[in-house]
C-alpha atoms as a PDB file:
ATOM      1  CA  MET A   1     104.519  80.776 -81.085  1.00  0.00           C
ATOM      2  CA  LEU A   2     105.578  79.149 -84.343  1.00  0.00           C
ATOM      3  CA  GLU A   3     107.064  75.985 -82.793  1.00  0.00           C
ATOM      4  CA  LEU A   4     107.640  74.293 -79.450  1.00  0.00           C
ATOM      5  CA  PRO A   5     110.040  76.249 -77.207  1.00  0.00           C
ATOM      6  CA  ARG A   6     113.533  75.015 -76.440  1.00  0.00           C
ATOM      7  CA  ALA A   7     114.274  73.515 -73.027  1.00  0.00           C
ATOM      8  CA  ASP A   8     115.876  76.742 -71.781  1.00  0.00           C
ATOM      9  CA  GLU A   9     112.851  78.738 -72.920  1.00  0.00           C
ATOM     10  CA  GLU A  10     110.495  76.350 -71.102  1.00  0.00           C
ATOM     11  CA  LYS A  11     112.433  76.806 -67.858  1.00  0.00           C
ATOM     12  CA  SER A  12     112.249  80.593 -68.127  1.00  0.00           C
ATOM     13  CA  ASP A  13     108.441  80.501 -68.329  1.00  0.00           C
ATOM     14  CA  ARG A  14     107.055  78.860 -65.207  1.00  0.00           C
ATOM     15  CA  GLN A  15     103.477  79.148 -66.482  1.00  0.00           C
ATOM     16  CA  PHE A  16     104.220  77.059 -69.600  1.00  0.00           C
ATOM     17  CA  VAL A  17     102.927  73.460 -69.392  1.00  0.00           C
ATOM     18  CA  THR A  18     105.254  71.396 -71.576  1.00  0.00           C
ATOM     19  CA  ALA A  19     103.191  68.192 -71.501  1.00  0.00           C
ATOM     20  CA  LEU A  20     100.097  70.027 -72.726  1.00  0.00           C
ATOM     21  CA  ALA A  21     102.057  71.725 -75.491  1.00  0.00           C
ATOM     22  CA  ARG A  22     103.462  68.419 -76.690  1.00  0.00           C
ATOM     23  CA  GLY A  23     100.042  66.800 -76.724  1.00  0.00           C
ATOM     24  CA  LEU A  24      98.668  69.605 -78.851  1.00  0.00           C
ATOM     25  CA  GLU A  25     101.660  69.293 -81.158  1.00  0.00           C
ATOM     26  CA  VAL A  26     100.694  65.661 -81.790  1.00  0.00           C
ATOM     27  CA  LEU A  27      97.165  66.755 -82.734  1.00  0.00           C
ATOM     28  CA  ARG A  28      98.602  69.385 -85.077  1.00  0.00           C
ATOM     29  CA  ALA A  29     100.477  66.657 -86.936  1.00  0.00           C
ATOM     30  CA  PHE A  30      97.242  65.416 -88.518  1.00  0.00           C
ATOM     31  CA  ARG A  31      96.207  66.915 -91.862  1.00  0.00           C
ATOM     32  CA  PRO A  32      92.815  66.846 -93.601  1.00  0.00           C
ATOM     33  CA  GLU A  33      94.060  64.550 -96.368  1.00  0.00           C
ATOM     34  CA  ASP A  34      95.540  61.993 -93.948  1.00  0.00           C
ATOM     35  CA  GLY A  35      94.359  58.522 -93.149  1.00  0.00           C
ATOM     36  CA  PRO A  36      95.277  57.040 -89.756  1.00  0.00           C
ATOM     37  CA  LEU A  37      98.828  57.788 -88.555  1.00  0.00           C
ATOM     38  CA  GLY A  38     101.115  55.636 -86.436  1.00  0.00           C
ATOM     39  CA  ASN A  39     103.335  56.693 -83.547  1.00  0.00           C
ATOM     40  CA  GLN A  40     106.433  56.739 -85.764  1.00  0.00           C
ATOM     41  CA  GLU A  41     104.777  59.037 -88.310  1.00  0.00           C
ATOM     42  CA  LEU A  42     103.517  61.324 -85.553  1.00  0.00           C
ATOM     43  CA  ALA A  43     106.977  61.448 -83.994  1.00  0.00           C
ATOM     44  CA  GLU A  44     108.528  62.444 -87.319  1.00  0.00           C
ATOM     45  CA  ARG A  45     105.956  65.154 -87.981  1.00  0.00           C
ATOM     46  CA  SER A  46     105.948  66.607 -84.475  1.00  0.00           C
ATOM     47  CA  GLY A  47     109.683  66.340 -83.864  1.00  0.00           C
ATOM     48  CA  LEU A  48     109.041  64.619 -80.531  1.00  0.00           C
ATOM     49  CA  PRO A  49     110.727  61.388 -79.334  1.00  0.00           C
ATOM     50  CA  LYS A  50     108.697  58.294 -80.157  1.00  0.00           C
ATOM     51  CA  PRO A  51     108.409  57.132 -76.486  1.00  0.00           C
ATOM     52  CA  THR A  52     106.902  60.528 -75.666  1.00  0.00           C
ATOM     53  CA  VAL A  53     104.486  60.251 -78.581  1.00  0.00           C
ATOM     54  CA  VAL A  54     103.424  56.751 -77.444  1.00  0.00           C
ATOM     55  CA  ARG A  55     102.398  58.131 -74.042  1.00  0.00           C
ATOM     56  CA  LEU A  56     100.681  61.142 -75.584  1.00  0.00           C
ATOM     57  CA  THR A  57      98.633  59.149 -78.100  1.00  0.00           C
ATOM     58  CA  HIS A  58      97.508  56.813 -75.308  1.00  0.00           C
ATOM     59  CA  THR A  59      96.410  59.772 -73.184  1.00  0.00           C
ATOM     60  CA  LEU A  60      94.702  61.565 -76.076  1.00  0.00           C
ATOM     61  CA  THR A  61      92.841  58.374 -76.969  1.00  0.00           C
ATOM     62  CA  MET A  62      91.629  57.963 -73.380  1.00  0.00           C
ATOM     63  CA  LEU A  63      90.310  61.540 -73.512  1.00  0.00           C
ATOM     64  CA  GLY A  64      88.567  61.088 -76.871  1.00  0.00           C
ATOM     65  CA  TYR A  65      90.784  63.397 -78.903  1.00  0.00           C
ATOM     66  CA  LEU A  66      92.197  60.450 -80.860  1.00  0.00           C
ATOM     67  CA  GLU A  67      90.680  57.140 -81.951  1.00  0.00           C
ATOM     68  CA  TYR A  68      92.762  53.966 -82.192  1.00  0.00           C
ATOM     69  CA  VAL A  69      92.260  51.936 -85.380  1.00  0.00           C
ATOM     70  CA  PRO A  70      93.225  48.328 -84.494  1.00  0.00           C
ATOM     71  CA  ARG A  71      93.267  47.151 -88.094  1.00  0.00           C
ATOM     72  CA  PHE A  72      96.177  49.457 -88.905  1.00  0.00           C
ATOM     73  CA  ALA A  73      97.568  49.910 -85.374  1.00  0.00           C
ATOM     74  CA  LYS A  74      97.310  53.648 -85.975  1.00  0.00           C
ATOM     75  CA  TYR A  75      95.357  56.695 -84.792  1.00  0.00           C
ATOM     76  CA  ARG A  76      92.923  59.147 -86.315  1.00  0.00           C
ATOM     77  CA  ILE A  77      91.394  62.373 -85.026  1.00  0.00           C
ATOM     78  CA  GLY A  78      88.554  61.760 -82.571  1.00  0.00           C
ATOM     79  CA  LEU A  79      85.253  63.507 -81.971  1.00  0.00           C
ATOM     80  CA  GLY A  80      86.760  65.505 -79.102  1.00  0.00           C
ATOM     81  CA  VAL A  81      88.816  67.519 -81.581  1.00  0.00           C
ATOM     82  CA  LEU A  82      85.784  67.994 -83.813  1.00  0.00           C
ATOM     83  CA  ALA A  83      83.864  69.404 -80.851  1.00  0.00           C
ATOM     84  CA  LEU A  84      86.639  71.904 -80.141  1.00  0.00           C
ATOM     85  CA  GLY A  85      86.745  72.924 -83.794  1.00  0.00           C
ATOM     86  CA  HIS A  86      82.993  73.418 -83.840  1.00  0.00           C
ATOM     87  CA  GLU A  87      83.220  75.713 -80.821  1.00  0.00           C
ATOM     88  CA  CYS A  88      85.897  77.720 -82.613  1.00  0.00           C
ATOM     89  CA  ILE A  89      84.188  78.369 -85.946  1.00  0.00           C
ATOM     90  CA  GLY A  90      80.863  76.559 -85.973  1.00  0.00           C
ATOM     91  CA  GLY A  91      78.778  79.340 -84.447  1.00  0.00           C
ATOM     92  CA  ALA A  92      80.860  82.307 -85.525  1.00  0.00           C
ATOM     93  CA  ALA A  93      78.757  85.256 -86.629  1.00  0.00           C
ATOM     94  CA  LEU A  94      81.319  86.008 -89.318  1.00  0.00           C
ATOM     95  CA  ARG A  95      80.652  82.773 -91.199  1.00  0.00           C
ATOM     96  CA  HIS A  96      76.893  83.285 -90.960  1.00  0.00           C
ATOM     97  CA  VAL A  97      77.066  86.832 -92.311  1.00  0.00           C
ATOM     98  CA  ALA A  98      79.656  86.065 -94.982  1.00  0.00           C
ATOM     99  CA  GLN A  99      78.001  82.932 -96.425  1.00  0.00           C
ATOM    100  CA  PRO A 100      75.473  84.500 -98.847  1.00  0.00           C
ATOM    101  CA  HIS A 101      77.974  87.074-100.107  1.00  0.00           C
ATOM    102  CA  MET A 102      80.666  84.432-100.663  1.00  0.00           C
ATOM    103  CA  GLN A 103      78.270  82.181-102.552  1.00  0.00           C
ATOM    104  CA  GLU A 104      77.055  85.104-104.667  1.00  0.00           C
ATOM    105  CA  LEU A 105      80.624  85.956-105.707  1.00  0.00           C
ATOM    106  CA  ALA A 106      81.450  82.285-106.322  1.00  0.00           C
ATOM    107  CA  ASP A 107      78.431  81.992-108.627  1.00  0.00           C
ATOM    108  CA  TYR A 108      79.308  85.215-110.437  1.00  0.00           C
ATOM    109  CA  ALA A 109      83.000  84.371-110.888  1.00  0.00           C
ATOM    110  CA  GLY A 110      82.360  80.684-111.491  1.00  0.00           C
ATOM    111  CA  THR A 111      85.223  79.893-109.127  1.00  0.00           C
ATOM    112  CA  ALA A 112      85.912  79.241-105.436  1.00  0.00           C
ATOM    113  CA  VAL A 113      85.571  81.861-102.710  1.00  0.00           C
ATOM    114  CA  ALA A 114      87.207  81.026 -99.386  1.00  0.00           C
ATOM    115  CA  LEU A 115      87.407  82.408 -95.860  1.00  0.00           C
ATOM    116  CA  GLY A 116      90.507  81.687 -93.801  1.00  0.00           C
ATOM    117  CA  GLY A 117      92.509  82.454 -90.697  1.00  0.00           C
ATOM    118  CA  ARG A 118      96.143  81.991 -89.707  1.00  0.00           C
ATOM    119  CA  ASP A 119      97.766  79.135 -87.807  1.00  0.00           C
ATOM    120  CA  ARG A 120     101.513  79.699 -87.453  1.00  0.00           C
ATOM    121  CA  LEU A 121     102.859  80.117 -90.995  1.00  0.00           C
ATOM    122  CA  SER A 122      99.786  78.658 -92.687  1.00  0.00           C
ATOM    123  CA  MET A 123      96.356  79.897 -93.668  1.00  0.00           C
ATOM    124  CA  ILE A 124      93.548  77.488 -92.781  1.00  0.00           C
ATOM    125  CA  TYR A 125      90.429  77.437 -94.929  1.00  0.00           C
ATOM    126  CA  LEU A 126      87.369  77.828 -92.705  1.00  0.00           C
ATOM    127  CA  ASP A 127      84.747  77.961 -95.444  1.00  0.00           C
ATOM    128  CA  VAL A 128      84.809  77.421 -99.199  1.00  0.00           C
ATOM    129  CA  TYR A 129      81.947  78.191-101.603  1.00  0.00           C
ATOM    130  CA  ARG A 130      82.121  77.062-105.207  1.00  0.00           C
ATOM    131  CA  GLY A 131      80.895  78.254-108.564  1.00  0.00           C
ATOM    132  CA  ALA A 132      80.584  76.370-111.824  1.00  0.00           C
ATOM    133  CA  HIS A 133      84.282  76.168-112.778  1.00  0.00           C
ATOM    134  CA  THR A 134      86.088  74.817-109.720  1.00  0.00           C
ATOM    135  CA  SER A 135      87.496  71.522-110.931  1.00  0.00           C
ATOM    136  CA  ALA A 136      91.031  72.956-110.744  1.00  0.00           C
ATOM    137  CA  PHE A 137      90.528  74.114-107.131  1.00  0.00           C
ATOM    138  CA  SER A 138      90.579  71.118-104.787  1.00  0.00           C
ATOM    139  CA  LEU A 139      91.065  72.785-101.381  1.00  0.00           C
ATOM    140  CA  ALA A 140      88.274  72.291 -98.841  1.00  0.00           C
ATOM    141  CA  PRO A 141      87.566  73.561 -95.298  1.00  0.00           C
ATOM    142  CA  GLY A 142      90.413  72.496 -93.020  1.00  0.00           C
ATOM    143  CA  ALA A 143      93.036  72.668 -95.767  1.00  0.00           C
ATOM    144  CA  ARG A 144      96.281  74.521 -95.091  1.00  0.00           C
ATOM    145  CA  ILE A 145      98.343  76.615 -97.471  1.00  0.00           C
ATOM    146  CA  PRO A 146     101.604  78.459 -96.715  1.00  0.00           C
ATOM    147  CA  ILE A 147     100.810  82.041 -95.793  1.00  0.00           C
ATOM    148  CA  TYR A 148     103.372  83.353 -98.295  1.00  0.00           C
ATOM    149  CA  LYS A 149     101.967  81.390-101.258  1.00  0.00           C
ATOM    150  CA  SER A 150      98.465  82.791-101.534  1.00  0.00           C
ATOM    151  CA  ALA A 151      96.624  86.040-102.037  1.00  0.00           C
ATOM    152  CA  MET A 152      94.697  85.242 -98.853  1.00  0.00           C
ATOM    153  CA  GLY A 153      97.929  84.987 -96.879  1.00  0.00           C
ATOM    154  CA  THR A 154      99.355  88.168 -98.390  1.00  0.00           C
ATOM    155  CA  ALA A 155      96.224  90.064 -97.386  1.00  0.00           C
ATOM    156  CA  TYR A 156      96.424  88.652 -93.861  1.00  0.00           C
ATOM    157  CA  LEU A 157     100.068  89.681 -93.453  1.00  0.00           C
ATOM    158  CA  TRP A 158      99.300  93.173 -94.725  1.00  0.00           C
ATOM    159  CA  ALA A 159      96.638  93.706 -92.040  1.00  0.00           C
ATOM    160  CA  LEU A 160      98.876  92.749 -89.104  1.00  0.00           C
ATOM    161  CA  PRO A 161     100.367  95.293 -86.711  1.00  0.00           C
ATOM    162  CA  ALA A 162     103.872  96.219 -87.882  1.00  0.00           C
ATOM    163  CA  LYS A 163     105.809  94.316 -85.201  1.00  0.00           C
ATOM    164  CA  GLU A 164     103.835  91.104 -85.690  1.00  0.00           C
ATOM    165  CA  ARG A 165     104.175  91.352 -89.466  1.00  0.00           C
ATOM    166  CA  GLU A 166     107.940  91.854 -89.148  1.00  0.00           C
ATOM    167  CA  PHE A 167     108.184  88.805 -86.873  1.00  0.00           C
ATOM    168  CA  LEU A 168     106.322  86.603 -89.331  1.00  0.00           C
ATOM    169  CA  MET A 169     108.244  87.970 -92.309  1.00  0.00           C
ATOM    170  CA  SER A 170     111.478  87.053 -90.530  1.00  0.00           C
ATOM    171  CA  ALA A 171     110.166  83.536 -89.894  1.00  0.00           C
ATOM    172  CA  ILE A 172     109.149  83.214 -93.553  1.00  0.00           C
ATOM    173  CA  ARG A 173     112.619  84.325 -94.627  1.00  0.00           C
ATOM    174  CA  GLN A 174     114.180  81.605 -92.493  1.00  0.00           C
ATOM    175  CA  ARG A 175     111.709  79.006 -93.763  1.00  0.00           C
ATOM    176  CA  THR A 176     112.100  79.799 -97.469  1.00  0.00           C
ATOM    177  CA  ASP A 177     115.860  80.434 -97.613  1.00  0.00           C
ATOM    178  CA  GLU A 178     116.873  80.927-101.277  1.00  0.00           C
ATOM    179  CA  GLU A 179     113.277  81.532-102.367  1.00  0.00           C
ATOM    180  CA  TRP A 180     112.981  84.524-100.050  1.00  0.00           C
ATOM    181  CA  PRO A 181     113.996  87.351-102.468  1.00  0.00           C
ATOM    182  CA  ALA A 182     111.289  86.337-104.966  1.00  0.00           C
ATOM    183  CA  ILE A 183     108.733  85.845-102.182  1.00  0.00           C
ATOM    184  CA  LYS A 184     109.587  89.238-100.687  1.00  0.00           C
ATOM    185  CA  ARG A 185     109.037  90.962-104.042  1.00  0.00           C
ATOM    186  CA  GLN A 186     105.722  89.154-104.437  1.00  0.00           C
ATOM    187  CA  LEU A 187     104.571  90.186-100.945  1.00  0.00           C
ATOM    188  CA  ASP A 188     105.685  93.803-101.407  1.00  0.00           C
ATOM    189  CA  THR A 189     103.721  93.999-104.660  1.00  0.00           C
ATOM    190  CA  GLY A 190     100.674  92.588-102.905  1.00  0.00           C
ATOM    191  CA  PHE A 191     100.998  95.040-100.000  1.00  0.00           C
ATOM    192  CA  LYS A 192     101.123  98.001-102.431  1.00  0.00           C
ATOM    193  CA  SER A 193      98.009  96.728-104.197  1.00  0.00           C
ATOM    194  CA  LEU A 194      96.195  96.380-100.860  1.00  0.00           C
ATOM    195  CA  ASP A 195      97.232  99.922 -99.901  1.00  0.00           C
ATOM    196  CA  ARG A 196      95.904 101.239-103.186  1.00  0.00           C
ATOM    197  CA  ALA A 197      92.877  99.099-104.009  1.00  0.00           C
ATOM    198  CA  GLY A 198      91.993  96.945-100.981  1.00  0.00           C
ATOM    199  CA  PHE A 199      92.900  93.653-102.641  1.00  0.00           C
ATOM    200  CA  CYS A 200      95.924  91.796-103.980  1.00  0.00           C
ATOM    201  CA  ILE A 201      96.533  89.270-106.748  1.00  0.00           C
ATOM    202  CA  ALA A 202      98.523  86.026-106.751  1.00  0.00           C
ATOM    203  CA  GLU A 203      99.387  84.391-110.068  1.00  0.00           C
ATOM    204  CA  GLY A 204     100.430  80.753-109.750  1.00  0.00           C
ATOM    205  CA  THR A 205     102.153  81.163-106.398  1.00  0.00           C
ATOM    206  CA  TYR A 206     100.721  77.994-104.830  1.00  0.00           C
ATOM    207  CA  ASP A 207      99.817  76.106-107.989  1.00  0.00           C
ATOM    208  CA  ARG A 208     100.930  77.276-111.418  1.00  0.00           C
ATOM    209  CA  ALA A 209      97.471  76.598-112.801  1.00  0.00           C
ATOM    210  CA  ILE A 210      95.668  78.697-110.157  1.00  0.00           C
ATOM    211  CA  ASN A 211      95.284  82.468-109.900  1.00  0.00           C
ATOM    212  CA  GLY A 212      93.496  84.348-107.152  1.00  0.00           C
ATOM    213  CA  ALA A 213      92.666  87.606-105.413  1.00  0.00           C
ATOM    214  CA  GLY A 214      92.783  88.264-101.678  1.00  0.00           C
ATOM    215  CA  ALA A 215      91.240  90.794 -99.294  1.00  0.00           C
ATOM    216  CA  VAL A 216      91.151  91.085 -95.523  1.00  0.00           C
ATOM    217  CA  LEU A 217      88.711  91.897 -92.722  1.00  0.00           C
ATOM    218  CA  VAL A 218      89.738  93.135 -89.268  1.00  0.00           C
ATOM    219  CA  LEU A 219      86.883  92.698 -86.796  1.00  0.00           C
ATOM    220  CA  GLN A 220      86.154  95.809 -84.796  1.00  0.00           C
ATOM    221  CA  GLY A 221      86.410  95.446 -81.049  1.00  0.00           C
ATOM    222  CA  SER A 222      88.485  92.263 -81.086  1.00  0.00           C
ATOM    223  CA  ASN A 223      91.013  93.077 -83.837  1.00  0.00           C
ATOM    224  CA  GLU A 224      90.684  89.489 -85.071  1.00  0.00           C
ATOM    225  CA  ILE A 225      91.891  89.162 -88.639  1.00  0.00           C
ATOM    226  CA  TYR A 226      90.311  86.987 -91.330  1.00  0.00           C
ATOM    227  CA  ALA A 227      91.057  86.894 -95.030  1.00  0.00           C
ATOM    228  CA  PHE A 228      89.005  86.123 -98.115  1.00  0.00           C
ATOM    229  CA  SER A 229      90.120  84.825-101.486  1.00  0.00           C
ATOM    230  CA  CYS A 230      88.608  84.144-104.876  1.00  0.00           C
ATOM    231  CA  SER A 231      90.629  81.504-106.740  1.00  0.00           C
ATOM    232  CA  GLY A 232      90.337  79.444-109.871  1.00  0.00           C
ATOM    233  CA  ALA A 233      91.965  78.195-113.036  1.00  0.00           C
ATOM    234  CA  ALA A 234      94.394  80.731-114.497  1.00  0.00           C
ATOM    235  CA  PHE A 235      92.734  80.643-117.924  1.00  0.00           C
ATOM    236  CA  HIS A 236      89.411  81.540-116.274  1.00  0.00           C
ATOM    237  CA  LEU A 237      90.723  84.037-113.709  1.00  0.00           C
ATOM    238  CA  THR A 238      93.216  85.975-115.771  1.00  0.00           C
ATOM    239  CA  ALA A 239      95.305  88.722-114.202  1.00  0.00           C
ATOM    240  CA  ALA A 240      93.262  91.325-116.079  1.00  0.00           C
ATOM    241  CA  ARG A 241      89.950  89.927-114.836  1.00  0.00           C
ATOM    242  CA  LEU A 242      91.241  89.761-111.275  1.00  0.00           C
ATOM    243  CA  LYS A 243      92.453  93.345-111.415  1.00  0.00           C
ATOM    244  CA  ASP A 244      89.463  94.916-113.133  1.00  0.00           C
ATOM    245  CA  ASP A 245      86.536  92.831-111.905  1.00  0.00           C
ATOM    246  CA  ILE A 246      86.993  90.090-109.299  1.00  0.00           C
ATOM    247  CA  GLY A 247      89.454  91.900-107.035  1.00  0.00           C
ATOM    248  CA  PRO A 248      87.232  94.989-106.579  1.00  0.00           C
ATOM    249  CA  ARG A 249      84.220  92.746-105.960  1.00  0.00           C
ATOM    250  CA  LEU A 250      86.148  90.805-103.300  1.00  0.00           C
ATOM    251  CA  ALA A 251      87.218  94.028-101.587  1.00  0.00           C
ATOM    252  CA  ALA A 252      83.593  95.182-101.611  1.00  0.00           C
ATOM    253  CA  LEU A 253      82.538  91.833-100.126  1.00  0.00           C
ATOM    254  CA  THR A 254      84.839  92.319 -97.118  1.00  0.00           C
ATOM    255  CA  ASN A 255      83.474  95.825 -96.553  1.00  0.00           C
ATOM    256  CA  ILE A 256      79.875  94.622 -96.718  1.00  0.00           C
ATOM    257  CA  VAL A 257      80.518  91.736 -94.319  1.00  0.00           C
ATOM    258  CA  GLY A 258      82.320  94.044 -91.889  1.00  0.00           C
ATOM    259  CA  THR A 259      79.477  96.567 -91.977  1.00  0.00           C
ATOM    260  CA  GLU A 260      76.824  93.895 -91.359  1.00  0.00           C
ATOM    261  CA  LEU A 261      78.815  92.405 -88.476  1.00  0.00           C
ATOM    262  CA  ASN A 262      79.195  95.817 -86.846  1.00  0.00           C
ATOM    263  CA  ARG A 263      75.481  96.457 -87.223  1.00  0.00           C
ATOM    264  CA  GLN A 264      74.679  93.144 -85.537  1.00  0.00           C
ATOM    265  CA  THR A 265      77.122  93.857 -82.705  1.00  0.00           C
ATOM    266  CA  ARG A 266      75.518  97.215 -81.938  1.00  0.00           C
ATOM    267  CA  ARG A 267      72.145  95.504 -81.477  1.00  0.00           C
ATOM    268  CA  PHE A 268      73.373  93.571 -78.410  1.00  0.00           C
END
């Protein structure tokens, strides 16, 4: 799902718990760069009525998923959410296996190498390793970037089953409106590069000063999809360097990580 269902859709699915969905939508409204948020801000971001948000923030605070900050009369994410996040990615074998290879590439390229997964129409950075020239790259773990504005997102879309990719492409078209033709050309170019070479390139799609390469890993057995990127200042990561050097190294990194994960899985 990309958004909360309409009332008629809720009624057609008797297993769907609306109150739970709305509570999670309030938690989704928080972003890594945020300070505490008030009920009005949360209502605007979530699209829920403020009286509903007031009840939800009270409940989430009682459960430890939010913390109330009396000084500002606002809320911030609580340790309960951190615990859930840790269970999701903290002990993942993928991050453990990928870490030395990501740092090695970051040191070689002098830029940032990131691992991410999808949430709705965004890619979320799970890990970021940095080289010597990363002052232009400010994104950290937990940051979100539109899936259609990064090499990482392009690689993720490419790896999806056809029907799921078509669904997301349709949602992107609706979201981007007049920008869609240019975005579609950019994605098609990236898909062709991934078909041919195992990586794609994005030049200034998220930030004009940033270029990057993306590659993707589909975990055997679970079909979970994760994407890698190597990004940095455009003058440092030129299109030629990405095509001839960094892109192939990033594609090789995904293959190595996948092979090591499969080897570990067969041991157990």
